[in-house]
């Protein structure tokens, strides 16, 4: 028989209440889900942009600063900048979700992962 139990609180409180309700099986199931979710979030956080993309980006920035950029290169720079911005948004969303999952501040999670707040 399967039961559903809705519990609010920190992960520690939820696991303690679930354990009281149904035993260690619930605890293991919840821990597996938490570990799986955390693993997925960490993959998203660590998903990077290729070295080639960064090289092209820095080359285009240098050309723009030297004022020798073509219109085509300007468009490439805009496209790369847009991709970098979207990647950063996805990363920040994953960081926020991970901080919620861990019950820690965003700053603490970023510090634990070695991510500069001004990166």
C-alpha atoms as a PDB file:
ATOM      1  CA  UNK A   1       0.000   0.000   0.000  1.00  0.00           C
ATOM      2  CA  UNK A   2       1.216   3.458  -0.860  1.00  0.00           C
ATOM      3  CA  UNK A   3       0.566   6.552   1.250  1.00  0.00           C
ATOM      4  CA  UNK A   4       1.162  10.216   0.582  1.00  0.00           C
ATOM      5  CA  UNK A   5       2.296  12.507   3.364  1.00  0.00           C
ATOM      6  CA  UNK A   6       2.765  16.247   2.961  1.00  0.00           C
ATOM      7  CA  UNK A   7       5.327  17.712   5.356  1.00  0.00           C
ATOM      8  CA  UNK A   8       6.796  21.200   5.476  1.00  0.00           C
ATOM      9  CA  UNK A   9      10.088  22.219   7.051  1.00  0.00           C
ATOM     10  CA  UNK A  10      13.808  21.794   6.555  1.00  0.00           C
ATOM     11  CA  UNK A  11      15.086  18.588   4.957  1.00  0.00           C
ATOM     12  CA  UNK A  12      16.152  17.354   8.368  1.00  0.00           C
ATOM     13  CA  UNK A  13      12.656  17.969   9.794  1.00  0.00           C
ATOM     14  CA  UNK A  14      10.974  16.387   6.794  1.00  0.00           C
ATOM     15  CA  UNK A  15      13.156  13.281   7.001  1.00  0.00           C
ATOM     16  CA  UNK A  16      12.575  12.953  10.756  1.00  0.00           C
ATOM     17  CA  UNK A  17       8.784  13.233  10.365  1.00  0.00           C
ATOM     18  CA  UNK A  18       8.715  10.884   7.394  1.00  0.00           C
ATOM     19  CA  UNK A  19      10.816   8.367   9.311  1.00  0.00           C
ATOM     20  CA  UNK A  20       8.353   8.509  12.228  1.00  0.00           C
ATOM     21  CA  UNK A  21       5.471   7.989   9.819  1.00  0.00           C
ATOM     22  CA  UNK A  22       6.713   5.091   7.771  1.00  0.00           C
ATOM     23  CA  UNK A  23      10.169   3.932   8.737  1.00  0.00           C
ATOM     24  CA  UNK A  24      13.550   3.956   7.073  1.00  0.00           C
ATOM     25  CA  UNK A  25      12.243   3.114   3.609  1.00  0.00           C
ATOM     26  CA  UNK A  26      10.722   6.584   3.267  1.00  0.00           C
ATOM     27  CA  UNK A  27      13.940   8.162   4.471  1.00  0.00           C
ATOM     28  CA  UNK A  28      15.991   6.320   1.874  1.00  0.00           C
ATOM     29  CA  UNK A  29      13.552   7.200  -0.905  1.00  0.00           C
ATOM     30  CA  UNK A  30      13.636  10.876   0.058  1.00  0.00           C
ATOM     31  CA  UNK A  31      17.425  10.873   0.321  1.00  0.00           C
ATOM     32  CA  UNK A  32      17.717   9.258  -3.101  1.00  0.00           C
ATOM     33  CA  UNK A  33      15.459  11.922  -4.587  1.00  0.00           C
ATOM     34  CA  UNK A  34      17.397  14.708  -2.860  1.00  0.00           C
ATOM     35  CA  UNK A  35      20.741  13.280  -3.971  1.00  0.00           C
ATOM     36  CA  UNK A  36      19.465  12.854  -7.535  1.00  0.00           C
ATOM     37  CA  UNK A  37      18.081  16.406  -7.645  1.00  0.00           C
ATOM     38  CA  UNK A  38      21.271  17.831  -6.120  1.00  0.00           C
ATOM     39  CA  UNK A  39      23.342  15.908  -8.655  1.00  0.00           C
ATOM     40  CA  UNK A  40      21.239  17.280 -11.527  1.00  0.00           C
ATOM     41  CA  UNK A  41      21.595  20.823 -10.186  1.00  0.00           C
ATOM     42  CA  UNK A  42      25.360  20.461  -9.780  1.00  0.00           C
ATOM     43  CA  UNK A  43      25.613  19.270 -13.400  1.00  0.00           C
ATOM     44  CA  UNK A  44      23.675  22.340 -14.542  1.00  0.00           C
ATOM     45  CA  UNK A  45      25.855  24.638 -12.407  1.00  0.00           C
ATOM     46  CA  UNK A  46      29.064  23.137 -13.795  1.00  0.00           C
ATOM     47  CA  UNK A  47      27.909  23.139 -17.407  1.00  0.00           C
ATOM     48  CA  UNK A  48      30.352  25.408 -19.136  1.00  0.00           C
ATOM     49  CA  UNK A  49      30.945  27.105 -22.425  1.00  0.00           C
ATOM     50  CA  UNK A  50      33.536  25.596 -24.734  1.00  0.00           C
ATOM     51  CA  UNK A  51      37.090  26.891 -24.828  1.00  0.00           C
ATOM     52  CA  UNK A  52      36.630  27.747 -28.511  1.00  0.00           C
ATOM     53  CA  UNK A  53      33.634  29.938 -27.670  1.00  0.00           C
ATOM     54  CA  UNK A  54      35.564  31.781 -24.943  1.00  0.00           C
ATOM     55  CA  UNK A  55      38.547  32.266 -27.289  1.00  0.00           C
ATOM     56  CA  UNK A  56      36.286  33.672 -30.006  1.00  0.00           C
ATOM     57  CA  UNK A  57      34.523  35.908 -27.467  1.00  0.00           C
ATOM     58  CA  UNK A  58      37.794  37.379 -26.158  1.00  0.00           C
ATOM     59  CA  UNK A  59      39.103  37.848 -29.700  1.00  0.00           C
ATOM     60  CA  UNK A  60      35.960  39.739 -30.664  1.00  0.00           C
ATOM     61  CA  UNK A  61      36.112  41.871 -27.501  1.00  0.00           C
ATOM     62  CA  UNK A  62      39.714  42.801 -28.360  1.00  0.00           C
ATOM     63  CA  UNK A  63      38.679  43.748 -31.912  1.00  0.00           C
ATOM     64  CA  UNK A  64      35.825  45.868 -30.587  1.00  0.00           C
ATOM     65  CA  UNK A  65      38.165  47.666 -28.179  1.00  0.00           C
ATOM     66  CA  UNK A  66      40.640  48.256 -31.013  1.00  0.00           C
ATOM     67  CA  UNK A  67      37.740  49.501 -33.165  1.00  0.00           C
ATOM     68  CA  UNK A  68      38.568  47.097 -36.009  1.00  0.00           C
ATOM     69  CA  UNK A  69      35.411  44.967 -35.830  1.00  0.00           C
ATOM     70  CA  UNK A  70      33.334  44.164 -38.909  1.00  0.00           C
ATOM     71  CA  UNK A  71      29.512  44.105 -38.843  1.00  0.00           C
ATOM     72  CA  UNK A  72      29.612  40.307 -39.103  1.00  0.00           C
ATOM     73  CA  UNK A  73      31.954  40.106 -36.116  1.00  0.00           C
ATOM     74  CA  UNK A  74      29.713  42.494 -34.195  1.00  0.00           C
ATOM     75  CA  UNK A  75      26.791  40.143 -34.818  1.00  0.00           C
ATOM     76  CA  UNK A  76      28.883  37.148 -33.711  1.00  0.00           C
ATOM     77  CA  UNK A  77      29.792  38.976 -30.503  1.00  0.00           C
ATOM     78  CA  UNK A  78      26.131  39.720 -29.803  1.00  0.00           C
ATOM     79  CA  UNK A  79      25.181  36.067 -30.381  1.00  0.00           C
ATOM     80  CA  UNK A  80      27.965  34.769 -28.128  1.00  0.00           C
ATOM     81  CA  UNK A  81      27.109  37.347 -25.452  1.00  0.00           C
ATOM     82  CA  UNK A  82      23.461  36.266 -25.561  1.00  0.00           C
ATOM     83  CA  UNK A  83      24.458  32.597 -25.157  1.00  0.00           C
ATOM     84  CA  UNK A  84      26.752  33.453 -22.236  1.00  0.00           C
ATOM     85  CA  UNK A  85      24.019  35.464 -20.564  1.00  0.00           C
ATOM     86  CA  UNK A  86      21.488  32.625 -20.914  1.00  0.00           C
ATOM     87  CA  UNK A  87      24.028  30.149 -19.549  1.00  0.00           C
ATOM     88  CA  UNK A  88      24.604  32.414 -16.547  1.00  0.00           C
ATOM     89  CA  UNK A  89      20.860  32.733 -15.933  1.00  0.00           C
ATOM     90  CA  UNK A  90      20.462  28.919 -16.005  1.00  0.00           C
ATOM     91  CA  UNK A  91      23.430  28.580 -13.666  1.00  0.00           C
ATOM     92  CA  UNK A  92      22.051  31.122 -11.190  1.00  0.00           C
ATOM     93  CA  UNK A  93      18.619  29.462 -11.214  1.00  0.00           C
ATOM     94  CA  UNK A  94      20.279  26.120 -10.444  1.00  0.00           C
ATOM     95  CA  UNK A  95      22.354  27.717  -7.676  1.00  0.00           C
ATOM     96  CA  UNK A  96      19.242  29.241  -6.114  1.00  0.00           C
ATOM     97  CA  UNK A  97      17.390  25.939  -6.328  1.00  0.00           C
ATOM     98  CA  UNK A  98      20.360  24.127  -4.771  1.00  0.00           C
ATOM     99  CA  UNK A  99      20.521  26.650  -1.928  1.00  0.00           C
ATOM    100  CA  UNK A 100      16.799  26.081  -1.283  1.00  0.00           C
ATOM    101  CA  UNK A 101      17.275  22.309  -1.404  1.00  0.00           C
ATOM    102  CA  UNK A 102      20.163  22.472   1.078  1.00  0.00           C
ATOM    103  CA  UNK A 103      18.462  25.055   3.284  1.00  0.00           C
ATOM    104  CA  UNK A 104      21.488  27.324   2.954  1.00  0.00           C
ATOM    105  CA  UNK A 105      21.974  30.872   1.759  1.00  0.00           C
ATOM    106  CA  UNK A 106      22.978  31.409  -1.850  1.00  0.00           C
ATOM    107  CA  UNK A 107      26.271  32.950  -0.679  1.00  0.00           C
ATOM    108  CA  UNK A 108      27.065  29.864   1.406  1.00  0.00           C
ATOM    109  CA  UNK A 109      26.374  27.477  -1.481  1.00  0.00           C
ATOM    110  CA  UNK A 110      28.466  29.570  -3.855  1.00  0.00           C
ATOM    111  CA  UNK A 111      31.302  29.692  -1.333  1.00  0.00           C
ATOM    112  CA  UNK A 112      31.081  25.913  -0.787  1.00  0.00           C
ATOM    113  CA  UNK A 113      31.348  25.388  -4.549  1.00  0.00           C
ATOM    114  CA  UNK A 114      34.197  27.885  -4.936  1.00  0.00           C
ATOM    115  CA  UNK A 115      32.128  30.267  -7.048  1.00  0.00           C
ATOM    116  CA  UNK A 116      32.914  33.957  -6.719  1.00  0.00           C
ATOM    117  CA  UNK A 117      29.889  36.165  -6.069  1.00  0.00           C
ATOM    118  CA  UNK A 118      31.266  38.689  -8.541  1.00  0.00           C
ATOM    119  CA  UNK A 119      32.161  36.175 -11.270  1.00  0.00           C
END
